[in-house]
N, C-alpha and C. Protein backbone atom coordinates (compact mmCIF):
# COMPACT_ATOMS: atom_id res chain seq x y z
N MET A 1 40.81 -36.42 -56.17
CA MET A 1 40.03 -37.19 -55.25
C MET A 1 40.37 -36.82 -53.81
N MET A 2 41.64 -36.60 -53.56
CA MET A 2 42.09 -36.27 -52.21
C MET A 2 41.53 -34.92 -51.77
N VAL A 3 41.48 -33.98 -52.71
CA VAL A 3 40.96 -32.66 -52.42
C VAL A 3 39.48 -32.74 -52.07
N GLU A 4 38.76 -33.58 -52.80
CA GLU A 4 37.33 -33.76 -52.52
C GLU A 4 37.11 -34.40 -51.16
N ASP A 5 37.96 -35.36 -50.79
CA ASP A 5 37.84 -36.00 -49.48
C ASP A 5 38.08 -34.99 -48.36
N ASN A 6 39.10 -34.15 -48.53
CA ASN A 6 39.38 -33.12 -47.53
C ASN A 6 38.21 -32.15 -47.43
N ARG A 7 37.69 -31.81 -48.57
CA ARG A 7 36.55 -30.87 -48.58
C ARG A 7 35.34 -31.51 -47.89
N LEU A 8 35.06 -32.78 -48.19
CA LEU A 8 33.94 -33.47 -47.56
C LEU A 8 34.16 -33.61 -46.05
N ASP A 9 35.42 -33.87 -45.65
CA ASP A 9 35.72 -33.96 -44.22
C ASP A 9 35.45 -32.62 -43.52
N ARG A 10 35.86 -31.55 -44.15
CA ARG A 10 35.63 -30.22 -43.56
C ARG A 10 34.14 -29.93 -43.47
N ILE A 11 33.39 -30.29 -44.51
CA ILE A 11 31.94 -30.09 -44.50
C ILE A 11 31.30 -30.92 -43.39
N GLU A 12 31.75 -32.15 -43.22
CA GLU A 12 31.22 -33.01 -42.16
C GLU A 12 31.52 -32.41 -40.78
N GLN A 13 32.74 -31.91 -40.62
CA GLN A 13 33.11 -31.29 -39.34
C GLN A 13 32.23 -30.07 -39.04
N LYS A 14 32.01 -29.28 -40.09
CA LYS A 14 31.17 -28.10 -39.91
C LYS A 14 29.73 -28.50 -39.58
N LEU A 15 29.24 -29.54 -40.24
CA LEU A 15 27.90 -30.04 -39.94
C LEU A 15 27.81 -30.57 -38.52
N ASP A 16 28.85 -31.27 -38.07
CA ASP A 16 28.87 -31.77 -36.70
C ASP A 16 28.84 -30.60 -35.70
N LYS A 17 29.63 -29.57 -35.98
CA LYS A 17 29.64 -28.39 -35.10
C LYS A 17 28.27 -27.71 -35.10
N LEU A 18 27.67 -27.63 -36.28
CA LEU A 18 26.36 -27.01 -36.40
C LEU A 18 25.31 -27.83 -35.64
N THR A 19 25.38 -29.14 -35.73
CA THR A 19 24.46 -30.01 -35.00
C THR A 19 24.62 -29.83 -33.50
N GLU A 20 25.87 -29.76 -33.04
CA GLU A 20 26.14 -29.55 -31.61
C GLU A 20 25.60 -28.19 -31.16
N ALA A 21 25.79 -27.17 -31.98
CA ALA A 21 25.30 -25.84 -31.64
C ALA A 21 23.78 -25.83 -31.54
N VAL A 22 23.11 -26.49 -32.46
CA VAL A 22 21.64 -26.54 -32.44
C VAL A 22 21.16 -27.27 -31.19
N SER A 23 21.83 -28.37 -30.82
CA SER A 23 21.41 -29.11 -29.62
C SER A 23 21.66 -28.27 -28.37
N GLN A 24 22.74 -27.50 -28.34
CA GLN A 24 22.99 -26.62 -27.20
C GLN A 24 21.93 -25.53 -27.11
N ILE A 25 21.53 -24.99 -28.24
CA ILE A 25 20.47 -23.98 -28.25
C ILE A 25 19.17 -24.56 -27.71
N ALA A 26 18.88 -25.80 -28.10
CA ALA A 26 17.66 -26.46 -27.61
C ALA A 26 17.72 -26.63 -26.10
N ARG A 27 18.88 -27.03 -25.56
CA ARG A 27 19.02 -27.18 -24.11
C ARG A 27 18.85 -25.85 -23.39
N VAL A 28 19.43 -24.79 -23.96
CA VAL A 28 19.30 -23.47 -23.35
C VAL A 28 17.83 -23.03 -23.36
N GLU A 29 17.13 -23.30 -24.45
CA GLU A 29 15.71 -22.94 -24.52
C GLU A 29 14.91 -23.69 -23.46
N GLU A 30 15.22 -24.96 -23.25
CA GLU A 30 14.53 -25.74 -22.22
C GLU A 30 14.80 -25.16 -20.83
N GLN A 31 16.04 -24.79 -20.59
CA GLN A 31 16.39 -24.20 -19.30
C GLN A 31 15.66 -22.87 -19.10
N MET A 32 15.61 -22.07 -20.15
CA MET A 32 14.91 -20.78 -20.05
C MET A 32 13.43 -20.99 -19.79
N LEU A 33 12.83 -21.97 -20.46
CA LEU A 33 11.43 -22.28 -20.23
C LEU A 33 11.20 -22.68 -18.77
N SER A 34 12.09 -23.49 -18.24
CA SER A 34 11.99 -23.92 -16.85
C SER A 34 12.10 -22.71 -15.91
N VAL A 35 13.02 -21.82 -16.20
CA VAL A 35 13.19 -20.62 -15.36
C VAL A 35 11.94 -19.75 -15.43
N PHE A 36 11.39 -19.58 -16.61
CA PHE A 36 10.19 -18.75 -16.75
C PHE A 36 9.01 -19.35 -16.00
N LYS A 37 8.86 -20.68 -16.07
CA LYS A 37 7.78 -21.34 -15.33
C LYS A 37 7.96 -21.15 -13.83
N ARG A 38 9.20 -21.29 -13.38
CA ARG A 38 9.50 -21.11 -11.96
C ARG A 38 9.20 -19.68 -11.53
N MET A 39 9.56 -18.72 -12.36
CA MET A 39 9.29 -17.31 -12.03
C MET A 39 7.78 -17.06 -11.97
N ASP A 40 7.03 -17.64 -12.89
CA ASP A 40 5.57 -17.49 -12.87
C ASP A 40 5.00 -18.06 -11.58
N ARG A 41 5.51 -19.23 -11.16
CA ARG A 41 5.03 -19.84 -9.92
C ARG A 41 5.35 -18.95 -8.72
N HIS A 42 6.56 -18.38 -8.70
CA HIS A 42 6.94 -17.49 -7.60
C HIS A 42 6.07 -16.23 -7.58
N GLU A 43 5.80 -15.68 -8.75
CA GLU A 43 4.95 -14.49 -8.82
C GLU A 43 3.55 -14.81 -8.30
N LYS A 44 3.04 -15.98 -8.66
CA LYS A 44 1.70 -16.37 -8.19
C LYS A 44 1.70 -16.50 -6.67
N ARG A 45 2.74 -17.15 -6.13
CA ARG A 45 2.81 -17.31 -4.67
C ARG A 45 2.94 -15.96 -3.98
N LEU A 46 3.72 -15.05 -4.55
CA LEU A 46 3.86 -13.72 -3.97
C LEU A 46 2.53 -12.97 -3.98
N ASP A 47 1.78 -13.11 -5.07
CA ASP A 47 0.47 -12.47 -5.14
C ASP A 47 -0.46 -13.03 -4.07
N GLU A 48 -0.42 -14.36 -3.86
CA GLU A 48 -1.25 -14.96 -2.83
C GLU A 48 -0.85 -14.46 -1.45
N GLN A 49 0.45 -14.35 -1.20
CA GLN A 49 0.91 -13.86 0.09
C GLN A 49 0.52 -12.39 0.29
N GLU A 50 0.58 -11.63 -0.77
CA GLU A 50 0.18 -10.23 -0.70
C GLU A 50 -1.30 -10.12 -0.32
N ASP A 51 -2.14 -10.98 -0.92
CA ASP A 51 -3.56 -11.00 -0.57
C ASP A 51 -3.76 -11.40 0.89
N ASP A 52 -3.00 -12.42 1.34
CA ASP A 52 -3.10 -12.85 2.74
C ASP A 52 -2.70 -11.72 3.69
N ILE A 53 -1.65 -11.01 3.37
CA ILE A 53 -1.20 -9.90 4.22
C ILE A 53 -2.27 -8.82 4.27
N GLN A 54 -2.87 -8.52 3.13
CA GLN A 54 -3.93 -7.51 3.10
C GLN A 54 -5.10 -7.95 3.98
N HIS A 55 -5.47 -9.22 3.89
CA HIS A 55 -6.57 -9.76 4.70
C HIS A 55 -6.21 -9.68 6.19
N LEU A 56 -5.00 -10.07 6.54
CA LEU A 56 -4.57 -10.00 7.93
C LEU A 56 -4.52 -8.57 8.45
N THR A 57 -4.10 -7.65 7.61
CA THR A 57 -4.07 -6.24 8.00
C THR A 57 -5.47 -5.75 8.34
N THR A 58 -6.44 -6.12 7.53
CA THR A 58 -7.82 -5.74 7.78
C THR A 58 -8.30 -6.32 9.11
N GLU A 59 -7.99 -7.60 9.34
CA GLU A 59 -8.40 -8.24 10.59
C GLU A 59 -7.73 -7.61 11.79
N VAL A 60 -6.46 -7.28 11.69
CA VAL A 60 -5.73 -6.66 12.80
C VAL A 60 -6.33 -5.30 13.13
N LEU A 61 -6.68 -4.54 12.11
CA LEU A 61 -7.30 -3.23 12.36
C LEU A 61 -8.63 -3.39 13.09
N ALA A 62 -9.44 -4.36 12.68
CA ALA A 62 -10.72 -4.60 13.34
C ALA A 62 -10.50 -5.06 14.78
N ASN A 63 -9.56 -5.97 14.99
CA ASN A 63 -9.26 -6.44 16.35
C ASN A 63 -8.68 -5.33 17.21
N SER A 64 -7.88 -4.49 16.62
CA SER A 64 -7.30 -3.37 17.35
C SER A 64 -8.40 -2.45 17.88
N HIS A 65 -9.39 -2.20 17.06
CA HIS A 65 -10.52 -1.36 17.49
C HIS A 65 -11.27 -2.02 18.64
N SER A 66 -11.50 -3.33 18.54
CA SER A 66 -12.19 -4.07 19.60
C SER A 66 -11.40 -4.03 20.90
N VAL A 67 -10.10 -4.21 20.81
CA VAL A 67 -9.25 -4.21 22.01
C VAL A 67 -9.25 -2.81 22.65
N LYS A 68 -9.19 -1.78 21.84
CA LYS A 68 -9.23 -0.41 22.39
C LYS A 68 -10.53 -0.18 23.15
N SER A 69 -11.64 -0.62 22.56
CA SER A 69 -12.93 -0.44 23.22
C SER A 69 -12.99 -1.25 24.51
N GLY A 70 -12.53 -2.49 24.47
CA GLY A 70 -12.51 -3.33 25.67
C GLY A 70 -11.65 -2.76 26.76
N GLU A 71 -10.48 -2.26 26.38
CA GLU A 71 -9.58 -1.66 27.36
C GLU A 71 -10.21 -0.41 27.98
N ARG A 72 -10.85 0.38 27.17
CA ARG A 72 -11.52 1.59 27.67
C ARG A 72 -12.60 1.24 28.69
N PHE A 73 -13.42 0.22 28.36
CA PHE A 73 -14.46 -0.22 29.30
C PHE A 73 -13.87 -0.78 30.59
N PHE A 74 -12.74 -1.50 30.46
CA PHE A 74 -12.07 -2.03 31.65
C PHE A 74 -11.64 -0.91 32.57
N TRP A 75 -11.00 0.12 32.03
CA TRP A 75 -10.53 1.22 32.88
C TRP A 75 -11.69 2.04 33.43
N ILE A 76 -12.77 2.13 32.69
CA ILE A 76 -13.97 2.80 33.24
C ILE A 76 -14.48 2.01 34.43
N GLY A 77 -14.48 0.67 34.31
CA GLY A 77 -14.91 -0.18 35.43
C GLY A 77 -13.99 -0.04 36.63
N VAL A 78 -12.67 -0.01 36.39
CA VAL A 78 -11.71 0.15 37.49
C VAL A 78 -11.91 1.50 38.16
N ALA A 79 -12.10 2.55 37.38
CA ALA A 79 -12.30 3.89 37.95
C ALA A 79 -13.60 3.94 38.75
N THR A 80 -14.63 3.30 38.23
CA THR A 80 -15.92 3.27 38.93
C THR A 80 -15.77 2.51 40.25
N ALA A 81 -15.08 1.37 40.23
CA ALA A 81 -14.88 0.59 41.46
C ALA A 81 -14.06 1.37 42.46
N ALA A 82 -13.00 2.04 42.00
CA ALA A 82 -12.17 2.83 42.91
C ALA A 82 -12.98 3.98 43.49
N SER A 83 -13.81 4.61 42.68
CA SER A 83 -14.64 5.70 43.18
C SER A 83 -15.64 5.19 44.20
N ALA A 84 -16.24 4.03 43.93
CA ALA A 84 -17.21 3.45 44.85
C ALA A 84 -16.54 3.08 46.18
N ILE A 85 -15.37 2.51 46.12
CA ILE A 85 -14.62 2.16 47.33
C ILE A 85 -14.26 3.43 48.11
N GLY A 86 -13.81 4.41 47.37
CA GLY A 86 -13.46 5.71 48.03
C GLY A 86 -14.69 6.34 48.67
N TYR A 87 -15.83 6.26 48.03
CA TYR A 87 -17.05 6.83 48.58
C TYR A 87 -17.49 6.08 49.84
N LEU A 88 -17.36 4.74 49.80
CA LEU A 88 -17.79 3.94 50.95
C LEU A 88 -16.84 4.07 52.13
N LEU A 89 -15.58 4.34 51.89
CA LEU A 89 -14.60 4.44 52.97
C LEU A 89 -14.55 5.81 53.64
N ARG A 90 -15.18 6.80 53.14
CA ARG A 90 -15.08 8.14 53.75
C ARG A 90 -15.88 8.26 54.93
């Protein structure tokens, strides 16, 4: 009888350890799921930022062209005014 009790105690201990291991595995799986969801959210946000940067780059290039043209017309006007003043002062 004593041998059977010892054997049952060992089996119970092993079952307890197995139960603890299974619960730890479940916790780790939950943590991994949370990490994967967070990574997906970060990837989505990065993709959105990448799209925004591409859009801004396009706008900057268009504005850069406009500024170059405006600056060119400004200097043409300054040169014309300086030439007109020089012509009138001679």
